[in-house]
Amino acid sequence: MPKLGMEPIRRAALVQATIAEIGAAGSLDVTVGQIAKRAGMSTALAHHYFGGKHQIFLAAMGQILRDFQAEVVEELRAARTPRGRAEALIAASFAPSCFAPATISAWMTLYAHATTHPETHRLLVMYQRRLRSNLTHALRPICVDALAGAEMLGALIDGLYLRAALAKDASPDAAKATALRALDTLTGADE
């Protein structure tokens, strides 16, 4: 009989192992067996908890999105102005917990799989809408076209993640600085 309370611990271990394996492989080209081994359990147990690799990946991306949300909430607590809100969203996007190499690989995998997997596409669209909404709200009082500005910053954030995936030694501080310079341009602060 299984120990009570072990399921959440094992699920969390599988999620973390999935992120680590994707980071090591640079894609979802890993097996459930590799993920289970890294988590210290059997392949059968991994299948029992999630069903398959795609379900484990969705759970891993769900955790990454929750971690990002926690970073956003933390950064927004200190924001006192619309500009501060926009800066907080940028800071959260490039927080070390969100911009770690394994997490960047998971994001790239999400984008690649969103073209062929409806559940993955839904998760990506949800993230993009939330980011766009938050950026639009922050930019409305300080930017001529807040929606266009939010689209531009969102695309820049995505692009900086893509560059980080290809560079393998990307700096979260440099990525953040690039996004902040774009914010300056959007709001006229660089004039």
Protein backbone atom coordinates (compact mmCIF):
# COMPACT_ATOMS: atom_id res chain seq x y z
CA MET A 1 0.00 0.00 0.00
CA PRO A 2 1.44 3.41 -0.93
CA LYS A 3 2.30 5.92 1.72
CA LEU A 4 -0.26 8.65 2.16
CA GLY A 5 0.87 11.99 0.80
CA MET A 6 3.51 10.57 -1.55
CA GLU A 7 1.61 11.36 -4.75
CA PRO A 8 2.16 15.16 -4.65
CA ILE A 9 5.84 14.63 -3.79
CA ARG A 10 6.33 12.16 -6.64
CA ARG A 11 4.41 14.32 -9.11
CA ALA A 12 6.57 17.32 -8.19
CA ALA A 13 9.71 15.22 -8.58
CA LEU A 14 8.58 14.10 -12.04
CA VAL A 15 7.82 17.68 -13.06
CA GLN A 16 11.26 18.87 -11.94
CA ALA A 17 12.91 15.89 -13.64
CA THR A 18 11.04 16.70 -16.86
CA ILE A 19 12.32 20.27 -16.85
CA ALA A 20 15.86 19.05 -16.15
CA GLU A 21 15.74 16.38 -18.89
CA ILE A 22 14.36 18.85 -21.44
CA GLY A 23 17.11 21.25 -20.43
CA ALA A 24 19.76 18.57 -20.91
CA ALA A 25 18.37 17.43 -24.28
CA GLY A 26 17.31 20.89 -25.48
CA SER A 27 13.97 19.44 -26.58
CA LEU A 28 11.26 16.96 -25.65
CA ASP A 29 13.37 14.24 -27.28
CA VAL A 30 13.55 12.35 -23.99
CA THR A 31 11.80 9.24 -22.76
CA VAL A 32 9.50 8.77 -19.81
CA GLY A 33 12.13 6.30 -18.59
CA GLN A 34 14.80 9.03 -18.54
CA ILE A 35 12.46 11.37 -16.70
CA ALA A 36 11.49 8.68 -14.19
CA LYS A 37 15.12 7.70 -13.60
CA ARG A 38 16.08 11.31 -12.90
CA ALA A 39 13.13 11.54 -10.48
CA GLY A 40 14.25 8.33 -8.74
CA MET A 41 11.25 6.19 -9.62
CA SER A 42 10.11 3.59 -12.11
CA THR A 43 8.79 4.30 -15.58
CA ALA A 44 5.56 2.54 -14.63
CA LEU A 45 5.03 4.91 -11.71
CA ALA A 46 5.60 7.93 -13.96
CA HIS A 47 3.00 6.56 -16.38
CA HIS A 48 0.66 5.91 -13.46
CA TYR A 49 0.81 9.52 -12.31
CA PHE A 50 0.70 11.25 -15.70
CA GLY A 51 -0.17 8.79 -18.44
CA GLY A 52 2.59 9.77 -20.84
CA LYS A 53 5.36 12.15 -21.77
CA HIS A 54 3.09 14.84 -23.19
CA GLN A 55 1.03 14.95 -19.98
CA ILE A 56 4.20 15.21 -17.88
CA PHE A 57 5.39 18.03 -20.14
CA LEU A 58 2.08 19.88 -19.74
CA ALA A 59 2.39 19.53 -15.96
CA ALA A 60 5.97 20.84 -16.14
CA MET A 61 4.89 23.86 -18.19
CA GLY A 62 2.02 24.43 -15.77
CA GLN A 63 4.59 24.59 -12.96
CA ILE A 64 6.80 26.96 -14.96
CA LEU A 65 3.79 29.23 -15.53
CA ARG A 66 2.92 29.15 -11.81
CA ASP A 67 6.53 30.06 -10.99
CA PHE A 68 6.32 32.93 -13.47
CA GLN A 69 3.03 34.08 -11.94
CA ALA A 70 4.64 34.08 -8.50
CA GLU A 71 7.50 36.22 -9.85
CA VAL A 72 4.97 38.63 -11.42
CA VAL A 73 3.01 38.95 -8.17
CA GLU A 74 6.20 39.55 -6.19
CA GLU A 75 7.50 42.19 -8.61
CA LEU A 76 4.13 43.96 -8.88
CA ARG A 77 3.90 44.34 -5.09
CA ALA A 78 6.59 47.02 -5.22
CA ALA A 79 5.30 48.75 -8.36
CA ARG A 80 3.74 52.15 -7.61
CA THR A 81 3.40 53.63 -11.11
CA PRO A 82 2.34 52.40 -14.54
CA ARG A 83 6.02 52.50 -15.58
CA GLY A 84 6.84 50.51 -12.45
CA ARG A 85 4.22 47.90 -13.43
CA ALA A 86 5.74 47.52 -16.90
CA GLU A 87 9.22 47.23 -15.40
CA ALA A 88 7.93 44.64 -12.92
CA LEU A 89 6.53 42.50 -15.74
CA ILE A 90 9.84 42.68 -17.56
CA ALA A 91 11.78 41.88 -14.38
CA ALA A 92 9.57 38.84 -13.73
CA SER A 93 10.08 37.62 -17.29
CA PHE A 94 13.83 37.55 -16.78
CA ALA A 95 13.97 36.51 -13.13
CA PRO A 96 16.60 33.81 -12.56
CA SER A 97 13.92 31.23 -11.75
CA CYS A 98 12.21 31.92 -15.10
CA PHE A 99 15.34 32.38 -17.21
CA ALA A 100 17.30 29.29 -16.16
CA PRO A 101 18.68 27.27 -19.11
CA ALA A 102 16.41 24.26 -18.49
CA THR A 103 13.37 26.51 -18.24
CA ILE A 104 14.33 28.29 -21.47
CA SER A 105 14.53 24.89 -23.20
CA ALA A 106 11.08 24.03 -21.85
CA TRP A 107 9.69 27.30 -23.26
CA MET A 108 11.19 26.55 -26.67
CA THR A 109 9.65 23.08 -26.53
CA LEU A 110 6.30 24.64 -25.67
CA TYR A 111 6.47 26.89 -28.73
CA ALA A 112 7.46 24.01 -30.99
CA HIS A 113 4.74 21.68 -29.72
CA ALA A 114 2.03 24.34 -29.73
CA THR A 115 1.83 24.00 -33.51
CA THR A 116 0.71 20.36 -33.31
CA HIS A 117 -0.77 19.75 -29.85
CA PRO A 118 -4.04 21.54 -28.99
CA GLU A 119 -3.48 21.38 -25.20
CA THR A 120 -0.03 22.89 -25.56
CA HIS A 121 -1.39 25.56 -27.90
CA ARG A 122 -4.08 26.44 -25.35
CA LEU A 123 -1.45 26.81 -22.61
CA LEU A 124 0.70 29.07 -24.79
CA VAL A 125 -2.26 31.23 -25.82
CA MET A 126 -3.29 31.58 -22.16
CA TYR A 127 0.20 32.78 -21.22
CA GLN A 128 0.37 35.20 -24.16
CA ARG A 129 -3.04 36.69 -23.41
CA ARG A 130 -2.22 37.21 -19.76
CA LEU A 131 1.11 38.85 -20.53
CA ARG A 132 -0.45 41.07 -23.20
CA SER A 133 -3.26 42.07 -20.83
CA ASN A 134 -0.85 42.93 -18.02
CA LEU A 135 1.46 44.88 -20.32
CA THR A 136 -1.45 46.73 -21.93
CA HIS A 137 -2.77 47.74 -18.51
CA ALA A 138 0.67 49.00 -17.47
CA LEU A 139 1.32 50.85 -20.73
CA ARG A 140 -2.11 52.48 -21.19
CA PRO A 141 -1.26 55.65 -19.21
CA ILE A 142 2.29 56.02 -20.56
CA CYS A 143 2.22 54.86 -24.19
CA VAL A 144 0.36 56.26 -27.20
CA ASP A 145 -0.76 52.79 -28.39
CA ALA A 146 -0.69 50.51 -25.36
CA LEU A 147 -1.92 47.41 -27.19
CA ALA A 148 0.72 47.74 -29.93
CA GLY A 149 3.35 48.41 -27.26
CA ALA A 150 2.28 45.33 -25.32
CA GLU A 151 2.46 43.22 -28.49
CA MET A 152 5.94 44.58 -29.22
CA LEU A 153 7.26 43.93 -25.71
CA GLY A 154 5.70 40.45 -25.65
CA ALA A 155 7.34 39.61 -28.98
CA LEU A 156 10.65 41.00 -27.73
CA ILE A 157 10.47 38.85 -24.59
CA ASP A 158 9.80 35.78 -26.75
CA GLY A 159 12.69 36.72 -29.02
CA LEU A 160 15.06 37.16 -26.10
CA TYR A 161 14.15 33.67 -24.90
CA LEU A 162 14.82 32.30 -28.38
CA ARG A 163 18.22 33.99 -28.46
CA ALA A 164 18.96 32.62 -25.00
CA ALA A 165 18.07 29.10 -26.15
CA LEU A 166 20.51 29.41 -29.03
CA ALA A 167 23.28 31.13 -27.06
CA LYS A 168 23.30 28.78 -24.03
CA ASP A 169 25.11 31.44 -21.97
CA ALA A 170 22.52 34.20 -22.02
CA SER A 171 22.43 36.65 -19.18
CA PRO A 172 19.07 37.44 -17.59
CA ASP A 173 20.41 40.90 -16.73
CA ALA A 174 21.34 41.61 -20.36
CA ALA A 175 17.95 40.37 -21.59
CA LYS A 176 16.17 42.50 -19.01
CA ALA A 177 18.24 45.55 -19.98
CA THR A 178 17.30 45.06 -23.64
CA ALA A 179 13.59 44.89 -22.78
CA LEU A 180 13.87 47.97 -20.56
CA ARG A 181 15.51 49.92 -23.41
CA ALA A 182 12.56 48.94 -25.62
CA LEU A 183 10.21 50.18 -22.88
CA ASP A 184 12.10 53.50 -22.87
CA THR A 185 11.61 53.78 -26.63
CA LEU A 186 7.90 52.94 -26.39
CA THR A 187 7.25 55.51 -23.68
CA GLY A 188 9.51 58.25 -24.99
CA ALA A 189 11.80 58.02 -21.96
CA ASP A 190 14.86 57.70 -24.18
CA GLU A 191 14.43 61.14 -25.72
